[in-house]
């Protein structure tokens, strides 16, 4: 996953933490992000993510790279329970469906 984050970071000319925060901010169901810092520079760098918007293609590459393998019960929900999911679950489970080859 770090390789994809570095690629996107180079594409947009921003730091990897800025890319991660921009990606997290756009995830469905994410309403707040807790940050930690080991230096005074870290929070300043993190604030640079506010102005960054990733393309849909970049966001999908990051999501795909970090997607865990389909495991029980998620594969079962992805195959049989898509009519009963929240917006946040839908995007996550659609990723599983893609991994399992269930999307066209």
C-alpha atoms as a PDB file:
ATOM      1  CA  UNK A   1       0.000   0.000   0.000  1.00  0.00           C
ATOM      2  CA  UNK A   2       2.830   2.403   0.791  1.00  0.00           C
ATOM      3  CA  UNK A   3       4.047   2.142  -2.811  1.00  0.00           C
ATOM      4  CA  UNK A   4       0.672   3.339  -4.106  1.00  0.00           C
ATOM      5  CA  UNK A   5       0.606   6.155  -1.539  1.00  0.00           C
ATOM      6  CA  UNK A   6       4.080   7.246  -2.665  1.00  0.00           C
ATOM      7  CA  UNK A   7       2.986   7.157  -6.325  1.00  0.00           C
ATOM      8  CA  UNK A   8      -0.073   9.312  -5.646  1.00  0.00           C
ATOM      9  CA  UNK A   9       2.026  11.614  -3.465  1.00  0.00           C
ATOM     10  CA  UNK A  10       4.428  12.165  -6.374  1.00  0.00           C
ATOM     11  CA  UNK A  11       1.529  12.731  -8.797  1.00  0.00           C
ATOM     12  CA  UNK A  12      -0.046  15.460  -6.675  1.00  0.00           C
ATOM     13  CA  UNK A  13       3.189  16.927  -5.306  1.00  0.00           C
ATOM     14  CA  UNK A  14       2.181  16.460  -1.670  1.00  0.00           C
ATOM     15  CA  UNK A  15       3.448  14.413   1.267  1.00  0.00           C
ATOM     16  CA  UNK A  16       2.224  10.873   1.910  1.00  0.00           C
ATOM     17  CA  UNK A  17       0.470  11.949   5.153  1.00  0.00           C
ATOM     18  CA  UNK A  18      -1.390  14.664   3.219  1.00  0.00           C
ATOM     19  CA  UNK A  19      -2.511  12.100   0.646  1.00  0.00           C
ATOM     20  CA  UNK A  20      -3.693   9.706   3.370  1.00  0.00           C
ATOM     21  CA  UNK A  21      -5.650  12.436   5.155  1.00  0.00           C
ATOM     22  CA  UNK A  22      -7.244  13.662   1.909  1.00  0.00           C
ATOM     23  CA  UNK A  23      -8.275  10.073   1.098  1.00  0.00           C
ATOM     24  CA  UNK A  24      -9.659   9.447   4.597  1.00  0.00           C
ATOM     25  CA  UNK A  25     -11.623  12.691   4.566  1.00  0.00           C
ATOM     26  CA  UNK A  26     -13.588  11.535   1.506  1.00  0.00           C
ATOM     27  CA  UNK A  27     -14.385   8.032   2.793  1.00  0.00           C
ATOM     28  CA  UNK A  28     -18.076   7.438   3.482  1.00  0.00           C
ATOM     29  CA  UNK A  29     -18.848   7.180   7.162  1.00  0.00           C
ATOM     30  CA  UNK A  30     -15.709   9.076   8.243  1.00  0.00           C
ATOM     31  CA  UNK A  31     -16.800  12.140  10.179  1.00  0.00           C
ATOM     32  CA  UNK A  32     -13.623  13.006  12.060  1.00  0.00           C
ATOM     33  CA  UNK A  33      -9.946  12.105  11.939  1.00  0.00           C
ATOM     34  CA  UNK A  34      -7.737  12.014  15.041  1.00  0.00           C
ATOM     35  CA  UNK A  35      -4.164  13.089  14.384  1.00  0.00           C
ATOM     36  CA  UNK A  36      -0.996  12.417  16.321  1.00  0.00           C
ATOM     37  CA  UNK A  37       2.298  14.239  15.979  1.00  0.00           C
ATOM     38  CA  UNK A  38       5.868  13.626  17.047  1.00  0.00           C
ATOM     39  CA  UNK A  39       7.128  17.050  16.038  1.00  0.00           C
ATOM     40  CA  UNK A  40       5.828  20.571  15.517  1.00  0.00           C
ATOM     41  CA  UNK A  41       6.157  20.077  11.765  1.00  0.00           C
ATOM     42  CA  UNK A  42       3.691  17.166  11.611  1.00  0.00           C
ATOM     43  CA  UNK A  43       0.528  19.194  12.362  1.00  0.00           C
ATOM     44  CA  UNK A  44       1.608  21.884   9.883  1.00  0.00           C
ATOM     45  CA  UNK A  45       2.135  19.261   7.196  1.00  0.00           C
ATOM     46  CA  UNK A  46      -1.199  17.610   8.020  1.00  0.00           C
ATOM     47  CA  UNK A  47      -3.032  20.906   7.527  1.00  0.00           C
ATOM     48  CA  UNK A  48      -1.817  20.911   3.925  1.00  0.00           C
ATOM     49  CA  UNK A  49      -4.234  18.066   3.229  1.00  0.00           C
ATOM     50  CA  UNK A  50      -7.221  20.394   3.620  1.00  0.00           C
ATOM     51  CA  UNK A  51      -6.675  21.862   0.149  1.00  0.00           C
ATOM     52  CA  UNK A  52      -6.002  18.501  -1.503  1.00  0.00           C
ATOM     53  CA  UNK A  53      -8.672  16.610  -3.427  1.00  0.00           C
ATOM     54  CA  UNK A  54      -7.701  13.312  -4.992  1.00  0.00           C
ATOM     55  CA  UNK A  55      -9.104  12.162  -8.309  1.00  0.00           C
ATOM     56  CA  UNK A  56     -11.557   9.279  -8.258  1.00  0.00           C
ATOM     57  CA  UNK A  57      -8.929   7.094  -9.925  1.00  0.00           C
ATOM     58  CA  UNK A  58      -6.310   7.948  -7.281  1.00  0.00           C
ATOM     59  CA  UNK A  59      -8.749   7.264  -4.440  1.00  0.00           C
ATOM     60  CA  UNK A  60      -9.702   3.899  -5.962  1.00  0.00           C
ATOM     61  CA  UNK A  61      -6.045   2.902  -6.333  1.00  0.00           C
ATOM     62  CA  UNK A  62      -5.450   3.628  -2.652  1.00  0.00           C
ATOM     63  CA  UNK A  63      -8.595   1.758  -1.613  1.00  0.00           C
ATOM     64  CA  UNK A  64      -7.671  -1.272  -3.746  1.00  0.00           C
ATOM     65  CA  UNK A  65      -4.108  -1.362  -2.383  1.00  0.00           C
ATOM     66  CA  UNK A  66      -5.332  -1.361   1.202  1.00  0.00           C
ATOM     67  CA  UNK A  67      -8.261  -3.711   0.768  1.00  0.00           C
ATOM     68  CA  UNK A  68      -7.899  -6.831   2.899  1.00  0.00           C
ATOM     69  CA  UNK A  69      -8.724 -10.241   1.433  1.00  0.00           C
ATOM     70  CA  UNK A  70     -12.376 -11.239   1.514  1.00  0.00           C
ATOM     71  CA  UNK A  71     -13.048 -13.046   4.799  1.00  0.00           C
ATOM     72  CA  UNK A  72     -16.125 -14.375   6.595  1.00  0.00           C
ATOM     73  CA  UNK A  73     -18.560 -12.740   7.302  1.00  0.00           C
ATOM     74  CA  UNK A  74     -17.730  -9.941   4.882  1.00  0.00           C
ATOM     75  CA  UNK A  75     -17.674 -12.093   1.763  1.00  0.00           C
ATOM     76  CA  UNK A  76     -21.090 -13.470   2.705  1.00  0.00           C
ATOM     77  CA  UNK A  77     -22.499  -9.957   3.196  1.00  0.00           C
ATOM     78  CA  UNK A  78     -20.945  -8.841  -0.082  1.00  0.00           C
ATOM     79  CA  UNK A  79     -22.607 -11.726  -1.908  1.00  0.00           C
ATOM     80  CA  UNK A  80     -25.987 -11.817  -0.170  1.00  0.00           C
ATOM     81  CA  UNK A  81     -26.705  -8.698   1.850  1.00  0.00           C
ATOM     82  CA  UNK A  82     -26.115  -5.683  -0.388  1.00  0.00           C
ATOM     83  CA  UNK A  83     -29.768  -4.656  -0.108  1.00  0.00           C
ATOM     84  CA  UNK A  84     -29.348  -3.979   3.634  1.00  0.00           C
ATOM     85  CA  UNK A  85     -26.145  -1.934   3.926  1.00  0.00           C
ATOM     86  CA  UNK A  86     -25.356   1.632   4.948  1.00  0.00           C
ATOM     87  CA  UNK A  87     -23.579   4.041   2.588  1.00  0.00           C
ATOM     88  CA  UNK A  88     -20.260   3.405   4.362  1.00  0.00           C
ATOM     89  CA  UNK A  89     -20.704  -0.375   4.218  1.00  0.00           C
ATOM     90  CA  UNK A  90     -21.772  -0.254   0.566  1.00  0.00           C
ATOM     91  CA  UNK A  91     -18.492   1.194  -0.671  1.00  0.00           C
ATOM     92  CA  UNK A  92     -16.476  -1.186   1.501  1.00  0.00           C
ATOM     93  CA  UNK A  93     -18.466  -4.254   0.466  1.00  0.00           C
ATOM     94  CA  UNK A  94     -18.436  -3.267  -3.206  1.00  0.00           C
ATOM     95  CA  UNK A  95     -14.656  -3.388  -2.907  1.00  0.00           C
ATOM     96  CA  UNK A  96     -14.958  -6.950  -1.639  1.00  0.00           C
ATOM     97  CA  UNK A  97     -17.265  -7.766  -4.546  1.00  0.00           C
ATOM     98  CA  UNK A  98     -14.619  -6.435  -6.944  1.00  0.00           C
ATOM     99  CA  UNK A  99     -11.903  -8.503  -5.218  1.00  0.00           C
ATOM    100  CA  UNK A 100     -14.073 -11.627  -5.502  1.00  0.00           C
ATOM    101  CA  UNK A 101     -14.791 -10.984  -9.194  1.00  0.00           C
ATOM    102  CA  UNK A 102     -18.513 -10.359  -8.655  1.00  0.00           C
ATOM    103  CA  UNK A 103     -18.580  -6.983 -10.426  1.00  0.00           C
ATOM    104  CA  UNK A 104     -18.683  -6.730 -14.198  1.00  0.00           C
END
